[in-house]
Amino acid sequence: MWVRAMYKYHTVALSVAPKRAALAQAQSQLDATLAELAAAQAKLQARLSCFCLICVCVVVCVSVSVCVLSRRIELAPSDMH
C-alpha cells in the first residue's frame, strides 16, 4: 500500500515540477514589472507635486495681482471713475 502512495507521489511530483518552475518564472517577471510600476508611480508623484506647487504659485500670484489692482482702483482719484 505504501508503495502505491510513493508511486502516486512520484507521478504527482513529476507533473507539478514544470508548473512550479513556470510559477517561479512568472513570479520573477511580476516582481520586475511591479518594480517598474513603482518607479513610474514615484516619477509621476514627483511631477504631480511639482505641478501642484506651480499651480499654487500661480494662484497666489493672481490673488496678489487682484489685490494690488483693487487697491489701486480704491486709491485712484474719484474723477477717473
N, C-alpha and C. Protein backbone atom coordinates (compact mmCIF):
# COMPACT_ATOMS: atom_id res chain seq x y z
N MET A 1 0.82 -1.18 0.00
CA MET A 1 0.00 0.00 0.00
C MET A 1 0.87 1.26 0.00
N TRP A 2 1.91 1.29 0.80
CA TRP A 2 2.76 2.47 0.83
C TRP A 2 3.51 2.62 -0.49
N VAL A 3 3.71 1.51 -1.20
CA VAL A 3 4.37 1.58 -2.49
C VAL A 3 3.50 2.35 -3.48
N ARG A 4 2.20 2.09 -3.43
CA ARG A 4 1.28 2.82 -4.29
C ARG A 4 1.28 4.31 -3.96
N ALA A 5 1.31 4.64 -2.68
CA ALA A 5 1.34 6.04 -2.26
C ALA A 5 2.62 6.72 -2.74
N MET A 6 3.74 6.03 -2.65
CA MET A 6 5.01 6.58 -3.10
C MET A 6 4.99 6.78 -4.63
N TYR A 7 4.42 5.83 -5.33
CA TYR A 7 4.31 5.93 -6.79
C TYR A 7 3.41 7.11 -7.17
N LYS A 8 2.30 7.25 -6.48
CA LYS A 8 1.37 8.35 -6.74
C LYS A 8 2.05 9.69 -6.45
N TYR A 9 2.78 9.78 -5.35
CA TYR A 9 3.51 10.99 -5.02
C TYR A 9 4.52 11.33 -6.11
N HIS A 10 5.22 10.30 -6.60
CA HIS A 10 6.22 10.49 -7.65
C HIS A 10 5.57 11.04 -8.92
N THR A 11 4.47 10.46 -9.34
CA THR A 11 3.81 10.93 -10.56
C THR A 11 3.26 12.35 -10.40
N VAL A 12 2.72 12.65 -9.23
CA VAL A 12 2.21 14.00 -8.98
C VAL A 12 3.37 14.99 -8.95
N ALA A 13 4.47 14.61 -8.31
CA ALA A 13 5.64 15.49 -8.24
C ALA A 13 6.19 15.76 -9.64
N LEU A 14 6.18 14.76 -10.50
CA LEU A 14 6.66 14.96 -11.87
C LEU A 14 5.76 15.92 -12.64
N SER A 15 4.46 15.86 -12.41
CA SER A 15 3.55 16.75 -13.13
C SER A 15 3.56 18.17 -12.54
N VAL A 16 3.89 18.30 -11.27
CA VAL A 16 3.88 19.60 -10.61
C VAL A 16 5.19 20.36 -10.84
N ALA A 17 6.29 19.67 -11.03
CA ALA A 17 7.61 20.31 -11.15
C ALA A 17 7.65 21.38 -12.26
N PRO A 18 7.18 21.09 -13.48
CA PRO A 18 7.20 22.14 -14.51
C PRO A 18 6.29 23.33 -14.16
N LYS A 19 5.21 23.04 -13.47
CA LYS A 19 4.29 24.11 -13.07
C LYS A 19 4.94 25.01 -12.02
N ARG A 20 5.69 24.41 -11.12
CA ARG A 20 6.41 25.21 -10.12
C ARG A 20 7.48 26.08 -10.78
N ALA A 21 8.15 25.51 -11.76
CA ALA A 21 9.17 26.29 -12.47
C ALA A 21 8.53 27.45 -13.22
N ALA A 22 7.39 27.20 -13.87
CA ALA A 22 6.67 28.27 -14.58
C ALA A 22 6.18 29.33 -13.60
N LEU A 23 5.72 28.90 -12.44
CA LEU A 23 5.28 29.84 -11.42
C LEU A 23 6.44 30.72 -10.95
N ALA A 24 7.59 30.12 -10.73
CA ALA A 24 8.76 30.90 -10.30
C ALA A 24 9.16 31.92 -11.35
N GLN A 25 9.13 31.53 -12.61
CA GLN A 25 9.47 32.45 -13.69
C GLN A 25 8.43 33.58 -13.78
N ALA A 26 7.16 33.24 -13.70
CA ALA A 26 6.11 34.25 -13.76
C ALA A 26 6.20 35.19 -12.56
N GLN A 27 6.54 34.64 -11.40
CA GLN A 27 6.67 35.47 -10.20
C GLN A 27 7.82 36.46 -10.35
N SER A 28 8.93 36.01 -10.93
CA SER A 28 10.06 36.92 -11.12
C SER A 28 9.72 38.01 -12.14
N GLN A 29 8.99 37.66 -13.19
CA GLN A 29 8.54 38.67 -14.15
C GLN A 29 7.59 39.66 -13.49
N LEU A 30 6.70 39.15 -12.66
CA LEU A 30 5.77 40.02 -11.94
C LEU A 30 6.53 40.97 -11.02
N ASP A 31 7.52 40.47 -10.31
CA ASP A 31 8.31 41.31 -9.42
C ASP A 31 9.01 42.42 -10.19
N ALA A 32 9.57 42.09 -11.36
CA ALA A 32 10.24 43.09 -12.18
C ALA A 32 9.23 44.14 -12.68
N THR A 33 8.07 43.69 -13.09
CA THR A 33 7.04 44.61 -13.58
C THR A 33 6.53 45.51 -12.45
N LEU A 34 6.37 44.96 -11.26
CA LEU A 34 5.93 45.76 -10.13
C LEU A 34 6.99 46.79 -9.74
N ALA A 35 8.26 46.43 -9.88
CA ALA A 35 9.33 47.39 -9.60
C ALA A 35 9.29 48.54 -10.61
N GLU A 36 9.06 48.22 -11.89
CA GLU A 36 8.92 49.26 -12.91
C GLU A 36 7.72 50.15 -12.61
N LEU A 37 6.63 49.54 -12.20
CA LEU A 37 5.41 50.29 -11.86
C LEU A 37 5.68 51.23 -10.70
N ALA A 38 6.36 50.75 -9.67
CA ALA A 38 6.65 51.59 -8.52
C ALA A 38 7.54 52.78 -8.91
N ALA A 39 8.51 52.53 -9.78
CA ALA A 39 9.37 53.62 -10.25
C ALA A 39 8.57 54.64 -11.05
N ALA A 40 7.68 54.16 -11.92
CA ALA A 40 6.85 55.07 -12.72
C ALA A 40 5.90 55.86 -11.84
N GLN A 41 5.34 55.22 -10.82
CA GLN A 41 4.43 55.92 -9.91
C GLN A 41 5.18 56.99 -9.11
N ALA A 42 6.40 56.68 -8.69
CA ALA A 42 7.20 57.66 -7.96
C ALA A 42 7.53 58.86 -8.85
N LYS A 43 7.87 58.58 -10.10
CA LYS A 43 8.17 59.66 -11.04
C LYS A 43 6.93 60.52 -11.28
N LEU A 44 5.78 59.88 -11.44
CA LEU A 44 4.53 60.60 -11.63
C LEU A 44 4.19 61.44 -10.40
N GLN A 45 4.38 60.87 -9.22
CA GLN A 45 4.09 61.60 -7.99
C GLN A 45 4.98 62.83 -7.86
N ALA A 46 6.25 62.70 -8.24
CA ALA A 46 7.16 63.84 -8.19
C ALA A 46 6.70 64.93 -9.16
N ARG A 47 6.29 64.53 -10.35
CA ARG A 47 5.81 65.51 -11.33
C ARG A 47 4.51 66.16 -10.89
N LEU A 48 3.63 65.37 -10.28
CA LEU A 48 2.37 65.94 -9.79
C LEU A 48 2.62 66.91 -8.65
N SER A 49 3.57 66.60 -7.79
CA SER A 49 3.90 67.50 -6.69
C SER A 49 4.43 68.81 -7.24
N CYS A 50 5.29 68.72 -8.22
CA CYS A 50 5.85 69.93 -8.86
C CYS A 50 4.72 70.72 -9.53
N PHE A 51 3.84 70.04 -10.23
CA PHE A 51 2.72 70.70 -10.90
C PHE A 51 1.82 71.40 -9.88
N CYS A 52 1.55 70.73 -8.76
CA CYS A 52 0.70 71.33 -7.72
C CYS A 52 1.37 72.57 -7.14
N LEU A 53 2.68 72.52 -6.96
CA LEU A 53 3.40 73.67 -6.45
C LEU A 53 3.32 74.84 -7.43
N ILE A 54 3.44 74.54 -8.71
CA ILE A 54 3.32 75.58 -9.74
C ILE A 54 1.91 76.17 -9.72
N CYS A 55 0.90 75.32 -9.60
CA CYS A 55 -0.48 75.81 -9.55
C CYS A 55 -0.70 76.72 -8.35
N VAL A 56 -0.16 76.35 -7.21
CA VAL A 56 -0.30 77.18 -6.01
C VAL A 56 0.39 78.52 -6.23
N CYS A 57 1.56 78.51 -6.84
CA CYS A 57 2.28 79.76 -7.11
C CYS A 57 1.47 80.65 -8.04
N VAL A 58 0.88 80.07 -9.05
CA VAL A 58 0.07 80.84 -9.99
C VAL A 58 -1.14 81.43 -9.29
N VAL A 59 -1.79 80.66 -8.47
CA VAL A 59 -2.97 81.15 -7.75
C VAL A 59 -2.57 82.29 -6.82
N VAL A 60 -1.46 82.14 -6.13
CA VAL A 60 -1.00 83.20 -5.23
C VAL A 60 -0.67 84.46 -6.02
N CYS A 61 0.02 84.31 -7.13
CA CYS A 61 0.38 85.47 -7.96
C CYS A 61 -0.87 86.18 -8.48
N VAL A 62 -1.83 85.42 -8.93
CA VAL A 62 -3.08 86.02 -9.43
C VAL A 62 -3.81 86.72 -8.29
N SER A 63 -3.84 86.10 -7.14
CA SER A 63 -4.52 86.72 -5.99
C SER A 63 -3.85 88.02 -5.59
N VAL A 64 -2.53 88.02 -5.56
CA VAL A 64 -1.79 89.24 -5.22
C VAL A 64 -2.06 90.31 -6.26
N SER A 65 -2.06 89.93 -7.54
CA SER A 65 -2.33 90.90 -8.60
C SER A 65 -3.71 91.50 -8.47
N VAL A 66 -4.68 90.69 -8.16
CA VAL A 66 -6.06 91.18 -7.99
C VAL A 66 -6.13 92.12 -6.80
N CYS A 67 -5.45 91.77 -5.73
CA CYS A 67 -5.46 92.65 -4.56
C CYS A 67 -4.80 93.98 -4.86
N VAL A 68 -3.68 93.95 -5.56
CA VAL A 68 -2.98 95.18 -5.92
C VAL A 68 -3.85 96.03 -6.83
N LEU A 69 -4.46 95.43 -7.83
CA LEU A 69 -5.31 96.18 -8.75
C LEU A 69 -6.53 96.76 -8.05
N SER A 70 -7.13 95.98 -7.17
CA SER A 70 -8.29 96.51 -6.46
C SER A 70 -7.88 97.65 -5.53
N ARG A 71 -6.71 97.55 -4.95
CA ARG A 71 -6.22 98.63 -4.08
C ARG A 71 -5.93 99.87 -4.92
N ARG A 72 -5.38 99.70 -6.11
CA ARG A 72 -5.12 100.84 -6.99
C ARG A 72 -6.42 101.52 -7.39
N ILE A 73 -7.43 100.74 -7.64
CA ILE A 73 -8.73 101.30 -8.02
C ILE A 73 -9.30 102.09 -6.85
N GLU A 74 -9.14 101.58 -5.63
CA GLU A 74 -9.63 102.28 -4.44
C GLU A 74 -8.88 103.59 -4.24
N LEU A 75 -7.60 103.60 -4.53
CA LEU A 75 -6.78 104.77 -4.30
C LEU A 75 -6.81 105.79 -5.45
N ALA A 76 -7.39 105.38 -6.57
CA ALA A 76 -7.44 106.28 -7.73
C ALA A 76 -8.32 107.48 -7.42
N PRO A 77 -7.98 108.60 -8.00
CA PRO A 77 -8.82 109.79 -7.78
C PRO A 77 -10.25 109.53 -8.26
N SER A 78 -11.19 110.14 -7.61
CA SER A 78 -12.59 109.88 -7.93
C SER A 78 -12.99 110.38 -9.31
N ASP A 79 -12.30 111.35 -9.89
CA ASP A 79 -12.64 111.84 -11.21
C ASP A 79 -12.28 110.86 -12.32
N MET A 80 -11.46 109.85 -12.00
CA MET A 80 -11.08 108.87 -13.03
C MET A 80 -12.13 107.77 -13.17
N HIS A 81 -13.08 107.67 -12.27
CA HIS A 81 -14.10 106.61 -12.34
C HIS A 81 -15.02 106.88 -13.43
